[in-house]
Structures are given as C-alpha cells and as structure tokens.
Amino acid sequence: MDLKLVPQDEAKPRLRRDNDRPRQILSAALNLFCDQGYEATRLEDVADAAGVSKATIYLYFENKEDLLFALIRENIVPMVEQTISQMENFTGIPSDFLRMKAQSLGPLLLHSNHGAILKLVVAEARRFPEIAEYFRTEVPERGLTHLAKLIQKGIDTGEFRPCDPHAMAAAFMFPLLMNGIWANSIGPHSIVDGDALINTHMENFLRGLQQ
C-alpha cells in the first residue's frame, strides 16, 4: 500500500465542492464496501456503480486504499474539526455543550454514512495500519483531547465532580460511536432503539459527572 501518513495541514486537499465526480465515486465505494465488504470490492465494481470508467477513478484516487483514506478525510475529519471549533467558541456551561453535542453527533452517527465509515475503519484497521494511525491521530486523539479540556473546565468551575477528564471524555464519546457502528452492522432491525439510547446515555452521563 502506497498511502503516506502526513499531518492534517499537509494532507491531500479536500475535494472541491463544485466537482461531483469524486464524491460520486466515494459514495459508490462506500455502498459497495458496506454491502459486499472491503476485500471483495474491486475498483471495477466501484467504477460500474459510479457510472464511470476505472481510468476515471485513477484521476482522483491512487488505489482502493486511497478511497477508504478519502472517506475518512472528507467525512469524519471535518466532523471533528467542527466539534473542536464549536467547543472553542462556546460560551455556556460545559454540561450544555455536552448535551447539545450528544443530540447532534449521536443521530449523525446513527442515521448517516458517518457510522458506516467508522465501521469500515474498525473492520480494516489491522490490515491497514497507515489508515488506522491517520484515523487515530486526526479523529479520537484530537477530539478527546479537546473534550477533556471542556470537562476539566467544568471541574475547575465546580459544575462537575473531580474525575479523570480524559477517561470521562472517552466515556462520553464511545457509546455514541458504538451506537453508530452497531446500527450500521445490525441494521434497521436492531433490538436497540438508537435514538432512545442517545438520550439515556446523555442523562446518565451527566448525572454521574455532576456534583
């Protein structure tokens, strides 16, 4: 595999919003990866599903691994950057931000392709360590570091009880992430009501964190 791990500010530029062709290819790739598995999907299959030639795919992506890399870069990393920006500009109390974020991020992971991409990353991480490392540094590491700072702010102001802010940040995020992965693994007939789980998790989490 040829993918080179690079810092976010040196990574490949995001796809231009006025160019639908690479997004069409990524959408077809994601659907095929989810339906028939990453390993079984060929670039020819992606080209057919996207309505383009295999040569067209190479205009935008180096290989099949690069498609998975791009799915993370174009969908998951911006989600983290948005959350970090929201935290930096939020002027309310930390518990209000946590509730707001759970109510926006939880359904996004549950009802959109973001959860499907996370499932793919988890499934393929051992086979593609470069992708796993890029995901780790750009998504959970950045997100949890900033979330821990927010929780520490709540501790410092007396809103939250003393605790390990990094562990609490993980305790906040992991159920939301797993909820999205579970829904994209089991499907619509899951025995778990994902939306109810989000609300229950948030209320239980805040009760455990507050003084």
N, C-alpha and C. Protein backbone atom coordinates (compact mmCIF):
# COMPACT_ATOMS: atom_id res chain seq x y z
N MET A 1 0.84 -1.20 0.00
CA MET A 1 0.00 0.00 0.00
C MET A 1 0.87 1.24 0.00
N ASP A 2 0.47 2.22 -0.79
CA ASP A 2 1.27 3.40 -1.02
C ASP A 2 0.93 4.63 -0.20
N LEU A 3 -0.10 4.53 0.65
CA LEU A 3 -0.54 5.72 1.38
C LEU A 3 0.54 6.20 2.35
N LYS A 4 0.76 7.47 2.35
CA LYS A 4 1.75 8.07 3.23
C LYS A 4 1.05 8.87 4.32
N LEU A 5 1.36 8.57 5.56
CA LEU A 5 0.76 9.29 6.67
C LEU A 5 1.38 10.68 6.75
N VAL A 6 0.53 11.71 6.68
CA VAL A 6 1.01 13.09 6.72
C VAL A 6 0.16 13.88 7.70
N PRO A 7 0.73 14.96 8.25
CA PRO A 7 -0.06 15.80 9.14
C PRO A 7 -1.28 16.35 8.41
N GLN A 8 -2.32 16.70 9.20
CA GLN A 8 -3.55 17.17 8.59
C GLN A 8 -3.34 18.36 7.68
N ASP A 9 -2.48 19.32 8.08
CA ASP A 9 -2.33 20.52 7.26
C ASP A 9 -1.52 20.27 6.01
N GLU A 10 -0.91 19.07 5.90
CA GLU A 10 -0.17 18.73 4.69
C GLU A 10 -0.88 17.65 3.89
N ALA A 11 -2.02 17.18 4.39
CA ALA A 11 -2.72 16.10 3.71
C ALA A 11 -3.28 16.58 2.39
N LYS A 12 -3.74 15.63 1.57
CA LYS A 12 -4.31 15.99 0.29
C LYS A 12 -5.43 17.00 0.48
N PRO A 13 -5.54 17.98 -0.39
CA PRO A 13 -6.62 18.96 -0.24
C PRO A 13 -7.97 18.30 -0.36
N ARG A 14 -8.92 18.81 0.37
CA ARG A 14 -10.27 18.27 0.31
C ARG A 14 -10.84 18.45 -1.08
N LEU A 15 -11.76 17.58 -1.43
CA LEU A 15 -12.35 17.62 -2.76
C LEU A 15 -13.13 18.91 -2.96
N ARG A 16 -13.00 19.50 -4.11
CA ARG A 16 -13.70 20.75 -4.39
C ARG A 16 -15.20 20.51 -4.40
N ARG A 17 -15.94 21.42 -3.79
CA ARG A 17 -17.39 21.24 -3.65
C ARG A 17 -18.10 21.30 -4.99
N ASP A 18 -17.47 21.93 -6.02
CA ASP A 18 -18.14 22.03 -7.31
C ASP A 18 -17.77 20.88 -8.24
N ASN A 19 -17.08 19.88 -7.73
CA ASN A 19 -16.72 18.73 -8.54
C ASN A 19 -17.42 17.51 -7.96
N ASP A 20 -18.48 17.07 -8.59
CA ASP A 20 -19.28 15.98 -8.05
C ASP A 20 -18.72 14.60 -8.38
N ARG A 21 -17.83 14.52 -9.38
CA ARG A 21 -17.37 13.20 -9.82
C ARG A 21 -16.68 12.41 -8.71
N PRO A 22 -15.66 12.98 -8.01
CA PRO A 22 -15.03 12.18 -6.95
C PRO A 22 -15.98 11.84 -5.82
N ARG A 23 -16.94 12.70 -5.52
CA ARG A 23 -17.91 12.39 -4.47
C ARG A 23 -18.84 11.26 -4.92
N GLN A 24 -19.15 11.24 -6.18
CA GLN A 24 -19.95 10.15 -6.74
C GLN A 24 -19.19 8.83 -6.61
N ILE A 25 -17.91 8.87 -6.87
CA ILE A 25 -17.08 7.66 -6.75
C ILE A 25 -17.01 7.21 -5.29
N LEU A 26 -16.81 8.16 -4.37
CA LEU A 26 -16.73 7.81 -2.95
C LEU A 26 -18.04 7.24 -2.44
N SER A 27 -19.14 7.79 -2.89
CA SER A 27 -20.45 7.28 -2.47
C SER A 27 -20.65 5.85 -2.94
N ALA A 28 -20.28 5.58 -4.19
CA ALA A 28 -20.40 4.23 -4.72
C ALA A 28 -19.48 3.27 -3.97
N ALA A 29 -18.27 3.72 -3.67
CA ALA A 29 -17.32 2.88 -2.95
C ALA A 29 -17.84 2.53 -1.56
N LEU A 30 -18.37 3.52 -0.85
CA LEU A 30 -18.88 3.26 0.49
C LEU A 30 -20.03 2.27 0.47
N ASN A 31 -20.95 2.43 -0.47
CA ASN A 31 -22.07 1.49 -0.57
C ASN A 31 -21.59 0.07 -0.83
N LEU A 32 -20.62 -0.07 -1.71
CA LEU A 32 -20.10 -1.40 -2.02
C LEU A 32 -19.31 -1.98 -0.86
N PHE A 33 -18.48 -1.15 -0.22
CA PHE A 33 -17.72 -1.63 0.93
C PHE A 33 -18.66 -2.16 2.01
N CYS A 34 -19.79 -1.48 2.21
CA CYS A 34 -20.73 -1.89 3.24
C CYS A 34 -21.54 -3.12 2.81
N ASP A 35 -21.90 -3.18 1.55
CA ASP A 35 -22.77 -4.27 1.07
C ASP A 35 -22.03 -5.58 0.87
N GLN A 36 -20.82 -5.52 0.31
CA GLN A 36 -20.14 -6.76 -0.02
C GLN A 36 -18.76 -6.90 0.63
N GLY A 37 -18.38 -5.91 1.44
CA GLY A 37 -17.11 -5.99 2.14
C GLY A 37 -16.00 -5.30 1.38
N TYR A 38 -15.05 -4.76 2.13
CA TYR A 38 -13.95 -4.03 1.52
C TYR A 38 -13.09 -4.96 0.65
N GLU A 39 -12.75 -6.11 1.20
CA GLU A 39 -11.85 -7.03 0.50
C GLU A 39 -12.45 -7.51 -0.82
N ALA A 40 -13.76 -7.76 -0.84
CA ALA A 40 -14.40 -8.32 -2.04
C ALA A 40 -14.67 -7.27 -3.11
N THR A 41 -14.61 -6.00 -2.75
CA THR A 41 -14.91 -4.93 -3.70
C THR A 41 -13.70 -4.64 -4.58
N ARG A 42 -13.92 -4.63 -5.88
CA ARG A 42 -12.86 -4.29 -6.83
C ARG A 42 -13.08 -2.87 -7.35
N LEU A 43 -12.02 -2.26 -7.84
CA LEU A 43 -12.16 -0.93 -8.42
C LEU A 43 -13.11 -0.95 -9.61
N GLU A 44 -13.13 -2.08 -10.33
CA GLU A 44 -14.06 -2.21 -11.45
C GLU A 44 -15.50 -2.12 -10.95
N ASP A 45 -15.76 -2.71 -9.78
CA ASP A 45 -17.11 -2.65 -9.21
C ASP A 45 -17.48 -1.21 -8.86
N VAL A 46 -16.52 -0.50 -8.28
CA VAL A 46 -16.77 0.90 -7.91
C VAL A 46 -17.04 1.73 -9.16
N ALA A 47 -16.25 1.52 -10.20
CA ALA A 47 -16.43 2.26 -11.44
C ALA A 47 -17.82 2.01 -12.02
N ASP A 48 -18.23 0.74 -12.06
CA ASP A 48 -19.56 0.41 -12.60
C ASP A 48 -20.66 1.08 -11.78
N ALA A 49 -20.54 1.01 -10.45
CA ALA A 49 -21.57 1.59 -9.58
C ALA A 49 -21.62 3.10 -9.70
N ALA A 50 -20.47 3.72 -9.94
CA ALA A 50 -20.41 5.18 -10.06
C ALA A 50 -20.73 5.67 -11.47
N GLY A 51 -20.80 4.74 -12.42
CA GLY A 51 -21.08 5.12 -13.80
C GLY A 51 -19.92 5.79 -14.48
N VAL A 52 -18.70 5.37 -14.11
CA VAL A 52 -17.51 5.94 -14.72
C VAL A 52 -16.58 4.80 -15.13
N SER A 53 -15.51 5.14 -15.82
CA SER A 53 -14.52 4.13 -16.17
C SER A 53 -13.53 3.96 -15.03
N LYS A 54 -12.84 2.83 -15.02
CA LYS A 54 -11.81 2.62 -14.00
C LYS A 54 -10.71 3.67 -14.12
N ALA A 55 -10.41 4.09 -15.35
CA ALA A 55 -9.39 5.12 -15.56
C ALA A 55 -9.80 6.44 -14.90
N THR A 56 -11.09 6.73 -14.88
CA THR A 56 -11.57 7.96 -14.24
C THR A 56 -11.28 7.95 -12.76
N ILE A 57 -11.44 6.79 -12.12
CA ILE A 57 -11.15 6.68 -10.69
C ILE A 57 -9.71 7.09 -10.42
N TYR A 58 -8.79 6.66 -11.28
CA TYR A 58 -7.37 6.98 -11.07
C TYR A 58 -7.05 8.46 -11.25
N LEU A 59 -7.96 9.21 -11.81
CA LEU A 59 -7.75 10.65 -11.90
C LEU A 59 -7.83 11.30 -10.53
N TYR A 60 -8.55 10.66 -9.60
CA TYR A 60 -8.81 11.25 -8.29
C TYR A 60 -8.21 10.44 -7.13
N PHE A 61 -8.04 9.15 -7.32
CA PHE A 61 -7.60 8.27 -6.22
C PHE A 61 -6.52 7.33 -6.71
N GLU A 62 -5.55 7.07 -5.83
CA GLU A 62 -4.40 6.25 -6.23
C GLU A 62 -4.77 4.78 -6.34
N ASN A 63 -5.62 4.29 -5.45
CA ASN A 63 -5.96 2.87 -5.41
C ASN A 63 -7.17 2.69 -4.49
N LYS A 64 -7.53 1.45 -4.22
CA LYS A 64 -8.70 1.20 -3.38
C LYS A 64 -8.48 1.67 -1.95
N GLU A 65 -7.27 1.53 -1.44
CA GLU A 65 -6.97 2.01 -0.08
C GLU A 65 -7.17 3.52 0.02
N ASP A 66 -6.82 4.21 -1.06
CA ASP A 66 -6.96 5.66 -1.06
C ASP A 66 -8.43 6.07 -0.98
N LEU A 67 -9.32 5.24 -1.48
CA LEU A 67 -10.75 5.52 -1.36
C LEU A 67 -11.17 5.52 0.12
N LEU A 68 -10.68 4.53 0.87
CA LEU A 68 -11.02 4.46 2.29
C LEU A 68 -10.39 5.64 3.04
N PHE A 69 -9.16 5.96 2.70
CA PHE A 69 -8.49 7.12 3.29
C PHE A 69 -9.31 8.38 3.04
N ALA A 70 -9.79 8.55 1.81
CA ALA A 70 -10.54 9.75 1.44
C ALA A 70 -11.89 9.80 2.15
N LEU A 71 -12.52 8.66 2.37
CA LEU A 71 -13.79 8.64 3.09
C LEU A 71 -13.61 9.21 4.50
N ILE A 72 -12.51 8.89 5.13
CA ILE A 72 -12.22 9.44 6.46
C ILE A 72 -11.94 10.93 6.35
N ARG A 73 -11.06 11.29 5.42
CA ARG A 73 -10.61 12.67 5.29
C ARG A 73 -11.76 13.61 4.92
N GLU A 74 -12.67 13.14 4.09
CA GLU A 74 -13.73 14.02 3.58
C GLU A 74 -14.97 14.05 4.46
N ASN A 75 -15.14 13.06 5.34
CA ASN A 75 -16.36 12.97 6.13
C ASN A 75 -16.14 13.04 7.63
N ILE A 76 -15.17 12.28 8.14
CA ILE A 76 -15.01 12.16 9.59
C ILE A 76 -14.14 13.28 10.15
N VAL A 77 -13.04 13.59 9.50
CA VAL A 77 -12.16 14.65 9.99
C VAL A 77 -12.88 16.01 10.07
N PRO A 78 -13.66 16.40 9.05
CA PRO A 78 -14.40 17.67 9.19
C PRO A 78 -15.39 17.67 10.35
N MET A 79 -15.96 16.53 10.66
CA MET A 79 -16.86 16.42 11.80
C MET A 79 -16.13 16.74 13.10
N VAL A 80 -14.90 16.25 13.24
CA VAL A 80 -14.09 16.53 14.42
C VAL A 80 -13.71 18.00 14.46
N GLU A 81 -13.31 18.55 13.32
CA GLU A 81 -12.92 19.95 13.27
C GLU A 81 -14.09 20.87 13.64
N GLN A 82 -15.28 20.49 13.20
CA GLN A 82 -16.45 21.29 13.55
C GLN A 82 -16.70 21.25 15.06
N THR A 83 -16.57 20.08 15.65
CA THR A 83 -16.79 19.95 17.10
C THR A 83 -15.76 20.76 17.87
N ILE A 84 -14.49 20.71 17.46
CA ILE A 84 -13.45 21.49 18.13
C ILE A 84 -13.75 22.98 18.02
N SER A 85 -14.14 23.43 16.83
CA SER A 85 -14.47 24.84 16.65
C SER A 85 -15.65 25.25 17.52
N GLN A 86 -16.64 24.39 17.62
CA GLN A 86 -17.80 24.69 18.47
C GLN A 86 -17.39 24.81 19.93
N MET A 87 -16.51 23.92 20.39
CA MET A 87 -16.06 23.97 21.78
C MET A 87 -15.29 25.25 22.06
N GLU A 88 -14.44 25.64 21.12
CA GLU A 88 -13.61 26.83 21.32
C GLU A 88 -14.45 28.11 21.35
N ASN A 89 -15.61 28.09 20.70
CA ASN A 89 -16.43 29.29 20.63
C ASN A 89 -17.65 29.25 21.54
N PHE A 90 -17.81 28.15 22.28
CA PHE A 90 -18.98 28.00 23.14
C PHE A 90 -18.81 28.84 24.40
N THR A 91 -19.84 29.58 24.77
CA THR A 91 -19.74 30.47 25.93
C THR A 91 -20.60 30.01 27.10
N GLY A 92 -21.33 28.92 26.93
CA GLY A 92 -22.18 28.43 28.01
C GLY A 92 -21.43 27.50 28.95
N ILE A 93 -22.18 26.78 29.77
CA ILE A 93 -21.56 25.84 30.71
C ILE A 93 -21.29 24.51 30.00
N PRO A 94 -20.26 23.77 30.45
CA PRO A 94 -19.87 22.53 29.77
C PRO A 94 -21.00 21.51 29.62
N SER A 95 -21.87 21.39 30.63
CA SER A 95 -22.93 20.39 30.53
C SER A 95 -23.88 20.70 29.38
N ASP A 96 -24.11 21.99 29.11
CA ASP A 96 -24.98 22.36 27.99
C ASP A 96 -24.34 21.97 26.66
N PHE A 97 -23.02 22.15 26.57
CA PHE A 97 -22.35 21.76 25.32
C PHE A 97 -22.41 20.24 25.14
N LEU A 98 -22.17 19.49 26.20
CA LEU A 98 -22.20 18.03 26.09
C LEU A 98 -23.59 17.54 25.67
N ARG A 99 -24.63 18.13 26.23
CA ARG A 99 -25.98 17.74 25.85
C ARG A 99 -26.24 18.09 24.38
N MET A 100 -25.85 19.31 23.97
CA MET A 100 -26.04 19.72 22.60
C MET A 100 -25.29 18.81 21.63
N LYS A 101 -24.05 18.48 21.98
CA LYS A 101 -23.23 17.65 21.09
C LYS A 101 -23.77 16.24 20.99
N ALA A 102 -24.23 15.68 22.09
CA ALA A 102 -24.81 14.33 22.04
C ALA A 102 -26.04 14.31 21.15
N GLN A 103 -26.85 15.37 21.21
CA GLN A 103 -28.09 15.43 20.45
C GLN A 103 -27.87 15.71 18.97
N SER A 104 -26.67 16.19 18.61
CA SER A 104 -26.37 16.42 17.20
C SER A 104 -25.46 15.32 16.63
N LEU A 105 -24.41 14.98 17.36
CA LEU A 105 -23.47 13.98 16.89
C LEU A 105 -24.05 12.57 16.94
N GLY A 106 -24.78 12.26 18.01
CA GLY A 106 -25.35 10.92 18.14
C GLY A 106 -26.22 10.53 16.97
N PRO A 107 -27.23 11.32 16.60
CA PRO A 107 -28.04 10.98 15.43
C PRO A 107 -27.27 10.98 14.12
N LEU A 108 -26.27 11.86 13.99
CA LEU A 108 -25.46 11.87 12.77
C LEU A 108 -24.76 10.53 12.58
N LEU A 109 -24.17 10.00 13.64
CA LEU A 109 -23.51 8.70 13.54
C LEU A 109 -24.51 7.57 13.33
N LEU A 110 -25.70 7.76 13.86
CA LEU A 110 -26.71 6.70 13.81
C LEU A 110 -27.42 6.63 12.46
N HIS A 111 -27.69 7.79 11.87
CA HIS A 111 -28.58 7.83 10.71
C HIS A 111 -27.90 8.27 9.41
N SER A 112 -26.59 8.42 9.41
CA SER A 112 -25.90 8.83 8.18
C SER A 112 -24.76 7.86 7.88
N ASN A 113 -24.06 8.15 6.78
CA ASN A 113 -22.94 7.30 6.37
C ASN A 113 -21.74 7.42 7.30
N HIS A 114 -21.73 8.38 8.21
CA HIS A 114 -20.60 8.52 9.11
C HIS A 114 -20.41 7.27 9.95
N GLY A 115 -21.51 6.70 10.42
CA GLY A 115 -21.41 5.46 11.20
C GLY A 115 -20.88 4.31 10.36
N ALA A 116 -21.27 4.28 9.09
CA ALA A 116 -20.80 3.22 8.20
C ALA A 116 -19.29 3.34 7.96
N ILE A 117 -18.80 4.57 7.84
CA ILE A 117 -17.37 4.78 7.64
C ILE A 117 -16.59 4.34 8.88
N LEU A 118 -17.11 4.68 10.06
CA LEU A 118 -16.46 4.24 11.30
C LEU A 118 -16.40 2.72 11.37
N LYS A 119 -17.47 2.07 10.97
CA LYS A 119 -17.49 0.60 10.96
C LYS A 119 -16.39 0.05 10.05
N LEU A 120 -16.23 0.67 8.87
CA LEU A 120 -15.19 0.23 7.95
C LEU A 120 -13.80 0.39 8.54
N VAL A 121 -13.57 1.53 9.19
CA VAL A 121 -12.26 1.79 9.79
C VAL A 121 -11.94 0.73 10.84
N VAL A 122 -12.91 0.44 11.70
CA VAL A 122 -12.71 -0.57 12.75
C VAL A 122 -12.43 -1.93 12.12
N ALA A 123 -13.17 -2.26 11.07
CA ALA A 123 -13.02 -3.58 10.44
C ALA A 123 -11.68 -3.74 9.73
N GLU A 124 -11.16 -2.66 9.16
CA GLU A 124 -9.95 -2.75 8.33
C GLU A 124 -8.69 -2.23 9.01
N ALA A 125 -8.79 -1.76 10.24
CA ALA A 125 -7.66 -1.10 10.89
C ALA A 125 -6.43 -2.00 10.99
N ARG A 126 -6.60 -3.26 11.33
CA ARG A 126 -5.44 -4.15 11.48
C ARG A 126 -4.75 -4.42 10.15
N ARG A 127 -5.50 -4.41 9.07
CA ARG A 127 -4.92 -4.69 7.76
C ARG A 127 -4.22 -3.47 7.17
N PHE A 128 -4.64 -2.28 7.59
CA PHE A 128 -4.09 -1.06 7.01
C PHE A 128 -3.65 -0.12 8.13
N PRO A 129 -2.49 -0.37 8.72
CA PRO A 129 -2.05 0.43 9.88
C PRO A 129 -1.86 1.91 9.57
N GLU A 130 -1.53 2.26 8.30
CA GLU A 130 -1.38 3.67 7.97
C GLU A 130 -2.71 4.41 8.11
N ILE A 131 -3.78 3.77 7.64
CA ILE A 131 -5.11 4.37 7.77
C ILE A 131 -5.51 4.43 9.23
N ALA A 132 -5.24 3.36 9.97
CA ALA A 132 -5.58 3.33 11.40
C ALA A 132 -4.85 4.45 12.16
N GLU A 133 -3.59 4.68 11.83
CA GLU A 133 -2.82 5.72 12.50
C GLU A 133 -3.34 7.10 12.14
N TYR A 134 -3.64 7.31 10.87
CA TYR A 134 -4.21 8.60 10.46
C TYR A 134 -5.52 8.85 11.19
N PHE A 135 -6.38 7.85 11.24
CA PHE A 135 -7.66 7.98 11.93
C PHE A 135 -7.44 8.28 13.41
N ARG A 136 -6.53 7.56 14.04
CA ARG A 136 -6.31 7.73 15.48
C ARG A 136 -5.86 9.14 15.81
N THR A 137 -4.91 9.67 15.04
CA THR A 137 -4.36 10.99 15.37
C THR A 137 -5.31 12.13 14.99
N GLU A 138 -6.06 11.97 13.90
CA GLU A 138 -6.90 13.05 13.42
C GLU A 138 -8.30 13.04 14.00
N VAL A 139 -8.75 11.88 14.51
CA VAL A 139 -10.13 11.80 14.99
C VAL A 139 -10.19 11.63 16.50
N PRO A 140 -9.98 10.43 17.06
CA PRO A 140 -10.16 10.31 18.51
C PRO A 140 -9.14 11.10 19.33
N GLU A 141 -7.89 11.15 18.89
CA GLU A 141 -6.89 11.85 19.69
C GLU A 141 -7.19 13.34 19.78
N ARG A 142 -7.50 13.96 18.65
CA ARG A 142 -7.81 15.40 18.66
C ARG A 142 -9.14 15.66 19.37
N GLY A 143 -10.14 14.87 19.06
CA GLY A 143 -11.45 15.09 19.63
C GLY A 143 -11.47 14.91 21.14
N LEU A 144 -10.87 13.82 21.62
CA LEU A 144 -10.90 13.55 23.06
C LEU A 144 -10.03 14.53 23.84
N THR A 145 -8.93 14.99 23.24
CA THR A 145 -8.09 15.97 23.92
C THR A 145 -8.86 17.25 24.19
N HIS A 146 -9.58 17.75 23.20
CA HIS A 146 -10.35 18.98 23.39
C HIS A 146 -11.55 18.75 24.30
N LEU A 147 -12.17 17.59 24.19
CA LEU A 147 -13.31 17.29 25.06
C LEU A 147 -12.88 17.20 26.52
N ALA A 148 -11.70 16.63 26.76
CA ALA A 148 -11.17 16.56 28.12
C ALA A 148 -10.94 17.95 28.70
N LYS A 149 -10.50 18.89 27.87
CA LYS A 149 -10.30 20.26 28.34
C LYS A 149 -11.64 20.88 28.75
N LEU A 150 -12.68 20.58 27.99
CA LEU A 150 -14.01 21.10 28.34
C LEU A 150 -14.48 20.53 29.68
N ILE A 151 -14.28 19.24 29.87
CA ILE A 151 -14.68 18.60 31.13
C ILE A 151 -13.84 19.15 32.28
N GLN A 152 -12.56 19.37 32.05
CA GLN A 152 -11.72 19.96 33.08
C GLN A 152 -12.21 21.35 33.46
N LYS A 153 -12.70 22.10 32.50
CA LYS A 153 -13.27 23.41 32.79
C LYS A 153 -14.46 23.27 33.74
N GLY A 154 -15.30 22.26 33.50
CA GLY A 154 -16.43 22.03 34.39
C GLY A 154 -15.99 21.64 35.78
N ILE A 155 -14.89 20.89 35.88
CA ILE A 155 -14.34 20.52 37.19
C ILE A 155 -13.82 21.77 37.90
N ASP A 156 -13.09 22.60 37.16
CA ASP A 156 -12.49 23.80 37.75
C ASP A 156 -13.55 24.78 38.26
N THR A 157 -14.69 24.84 37.58
CA THR A 157 -15.73 25.78 37.99
C THR A 157 -16.68 25.18 39.02
N GLY A 158 -16.50 23.91 39.34
CA GLY A 158 -17.35 23.28 40.33
C GLY A 158 -18.63 22.68 39.79
N GLU A 159 -18.82 22.75 38.47
CA GLU A 159 -20.02 22.13 37.88
C GLU A 159 -19.93 20.61 37.92
N PHE A 160 -18.73 20.09 37.67
CA PHE A 160 -18.51 18.65 37.65
C PHE A 160 -17.68 18.23 38.87
N ARG A 161 -17.87 17.01 39.29
CA ARG A 161 -17.08 16.46 40.39
C ARG A 161 -15.65 16.18 39.92
N PRO A 162 -14.68 16.10 40.82
CA PRO A 162 -13.32 15.74 40.43
C PRO A 162 -13.30 14.35 39.79
N CYS A 163 -12.61 14.23 38.67
CA CYS A 163 -12.52 12.95 37.95
C CYS A 163 -11.39 13.05 36.94
N ASP A 164 -11.13 11.95 36.26
CA ASP A 164 -10.14 11.93 35.18
C ASP A 164 -10.83 12.46 33.92
N PRO A 165 -10.50 13.66 33.47
CA PRO A 165 -11.23 14.25 32.34
C PRO A 165 -11.06 13.48 31.03
N HIS A 166 -9.88 12.87 30.84
CA HIS A 166 -9.67 12.11 29.60
C HIS A 166 -10.51 10.83 29.60
N ALA A 167 -10.58 10.17 30.74
CA ALA A 167 -11.42 8.98 30.83
C ALA A 167 -12.89 9.34 30.65
N MET A 168 -13.29 10.47 31.22
CA MET A 168 -14.67 10.90 31.08
C MET A 168 -14.99 11.30 29.64
N ALA A 169 -14.03 11.90 28.95
CA ALA A 169 -14.23 12.24 27.55
C ALA A 169 -14.48 10.98 26.72
N ALA A 170 -13.71 9.94 26.99
CA ALA A 170 -13.90 8.67 26.29
C ALA A 170 -15.24 8.05 26.66
N ALA A 171 -15.62 8.14 27.95
CA ALA A 171 -16.89 7.59 28.40
C ALA A 171 -18.07 8.30 27.74
N PHE A 172 -17.88 9.58 27.42
CA PHE A 172 -18.92 10.32 26.71
C PHE A 172 -19.03 9.88 25.25
N MET A 173 -17.88 9.75 24.57
CA MET A 173 -17.88 9.52 23.14
C MET A 173 -18.12 8.08 22.73
N PHE A 174 -17.53 7.12 23.45
CA PHE A 174 -17.53 5.75 22.96
C PHE A 174 -18.93 5.16 22.77
N PRO A 175 -19.88 5.38 23.69
CA PRO A 175 -21.22 4.86 23.44
C PRO A 175 -21.87 5.46 22.19
N LEU A 176 -21.62 6.74 21.91
CA LEU A 176 -22.17 7.36 20.71
C LEU A 176 -21.56 6.74 19.46
N LEU A 177 -20.25 6.52 19.50
CA LEU A 177 -19.57 5.90 18.36
C LEU A 177 -20.07 4.47 18.15
N MET A 178 -20.15 3.71 19.24
CA MET A 178 -20.57 2.32 19.13
C MET A 178 -22.01 2.20 18.68
N ASN A 179 -22.84 3.16 19.06
CA ASN A 179 -24.23 3.17 18.64
C ASN A 179 -24.33 3.27 17.12
N GLY A 180 -23.49 4.14 16.53
CA GLY A 180 -23.47 4.28 15.09
C GLY A 180 -22.92 3.05 14.40
N ILE A 181 -21.85 2.48 14.95
CA ILE A 181 -21.26 1.27 14.37
C ILE A 181 -22.24 0.11 14.46
N TRP A 182 -22.90 -0.02 15.61
CA TRP A 182 -23.87 -1.11 15.81
C TRP A 182 -25.01 -1.02 14.79
N ALA A 183 -25.55 0.18 14.62
CA ALA A 183 -26.66 0.36 13.68
C ALA A 183 -26.26 0.02 12.26
N ASN A 184 -25.01 0.31 11.91
CA ASN A 184 -24.53 0.01 10.56
C ASN A 184 -24.03 -1.42 10.42
N SER A 185 -24.04 -2.16 11.52
CA SER A 185 -23.67 -3.58 11.47
C SER A 185 -24.91 -4.47 11.50
N ILE A 186 -25.83 -4.15 12.41
CA ILE A 186 -27.03 -4.97 12.59
C ILE A 186 -28.15 -4.54 11.66
N GLY A 187 -28.24 -3.23 11.41
CA GLY A 187 -29.25 -2.74 10.50
C GLY A 187 -30.49 -2.25 11.21
N PRO A 188 -31.56 -1.95 10.43
CA PRO A 188 -32.76 -1.34 11.00
C PRO A 188 -33.54 -2.24 11.95
N HIS A 189 -33.23 -3.53 11.98
CA HIS A 189 -33.96 -4.45 12.84
C HIS A 189 -33.23 -4.70 14.16
N SER A 190 -32.34 -3.79 14.50
CA SER A 190 -31.62 -3.90 15.77
C SER A 190 -32.60 -3.91 16.94
N ILE A 191 -32.23 -4.65 18.00
CA ILE A 191 -33.09 -4.70 19.19
C ILE A 191 -32.95 -3.44 20.02
N VAL A 192 -32.02 -2.57 19.66
CA VAL A 192 -31.76 -1.34 20.41
C VAL A 192 -32.36 -0.16 19.66
N ASP A 193 -33.13 0.67 20.36
CA ASP A 193 -33.61 1.94 19.80
C ASP A 193 -32.47 2.94 19.94
N GLY A 194 -31.79 3.21 18.84
CA GLY A 194 -30.59 4.03 18.89
C GLY A 194 -30.83 5.44 19.40
N ASP A 195 -31.94 6.04 19.02
CA ASP A 195 -32.23 7.40 19.46
C ASP A 195 -32.51 7.44 20.96
N ALA A 196 -33.24 6.45 21.46
CA ALA A 196 -33.50 6.38 22.89
C ALA A 196 -32.21 6.15 23.66
N LEU A 197 -31.30 5.35 23.08
CA LEU A 197 -30.02 5.10 23.74
C LEU A 197 -29.22 6.39 23.89
N ILE A 198 -29.24 7.23 22.86
CA ILE A 198 -28.51 8.50 22.92
C ILE A 198 -29.01 9.34 24.10
N ASN A 199 -30.32 9.47 24.21
CA ASN A 199 -30.89 10.29 25.28
C ASN A 199 -30.59 9.70 26.66
N THR A 200 -30.72 8.39 26.77
CA THR A 200 -30.46 7.73 28.06
C THR A 200 -29.00 7.87 28.45
N HIS A 201 -28.12 7.67 27.49
CA HIS A 201 -26.68 7.81 27.76
C HIS A 201 -26.36 9.22 28.25
N MET A 202 -26.92 10.23 27.58
CA MET A 202 -26.60 11.60 27.94
C MET A 202 -27.05 11.92 29.35
N GLU A 203 -28.27 11.53 29.70
CA GLU A 203 -28.78 11.83 31.03
C GLU A 203 -27.99 11.10 32.12
N ASN A 204 -27.69 9.83 31.88
CA ASN A 204 -26.92 9.06 32.85
C ASN A 204 -25.50 9.62 33.00
N PHE A 205 -24.91 10.01 31.87
CA PHE A 205 -23.56 10.54 31.89
C PHE A 205 -23.48 11.81 32.72
N LEU A 206 -24.41 12.73 32.49
CA LEU A 206 -24.38 14.00 33.22
C LEU A 206 -24.70 13.80 34.70
N ARG A 207 -25.58 12.87 35.02
CA ARG A 207 -25.85 12.60 36.45
C ARG A 207 -24.60 12.10 37.15
N GLY A 208 -23.84 11.27 36.46
CA GLY A 208 -22.63 10.73 37.05
C GLY A 208 -21.50 11.73 37.15
N LEU A 209 -21.54 12.76 36.29
CA LEU A 209 -20.44 13.73 36.22
C LEU A 209 -20.68 14.94 37.13
N GLN A 210 -21.93 15.28 37.34
CA GLN A 210 -22.22 16.48 38.12
C GLN A 210 -22.08 16.22 39.61
N GLN A 211 -21.91 17.30 40.34
CA GLN A 211 -21.70 17.23 41.80
C GLN A 211 -22.95 16.67 42.49
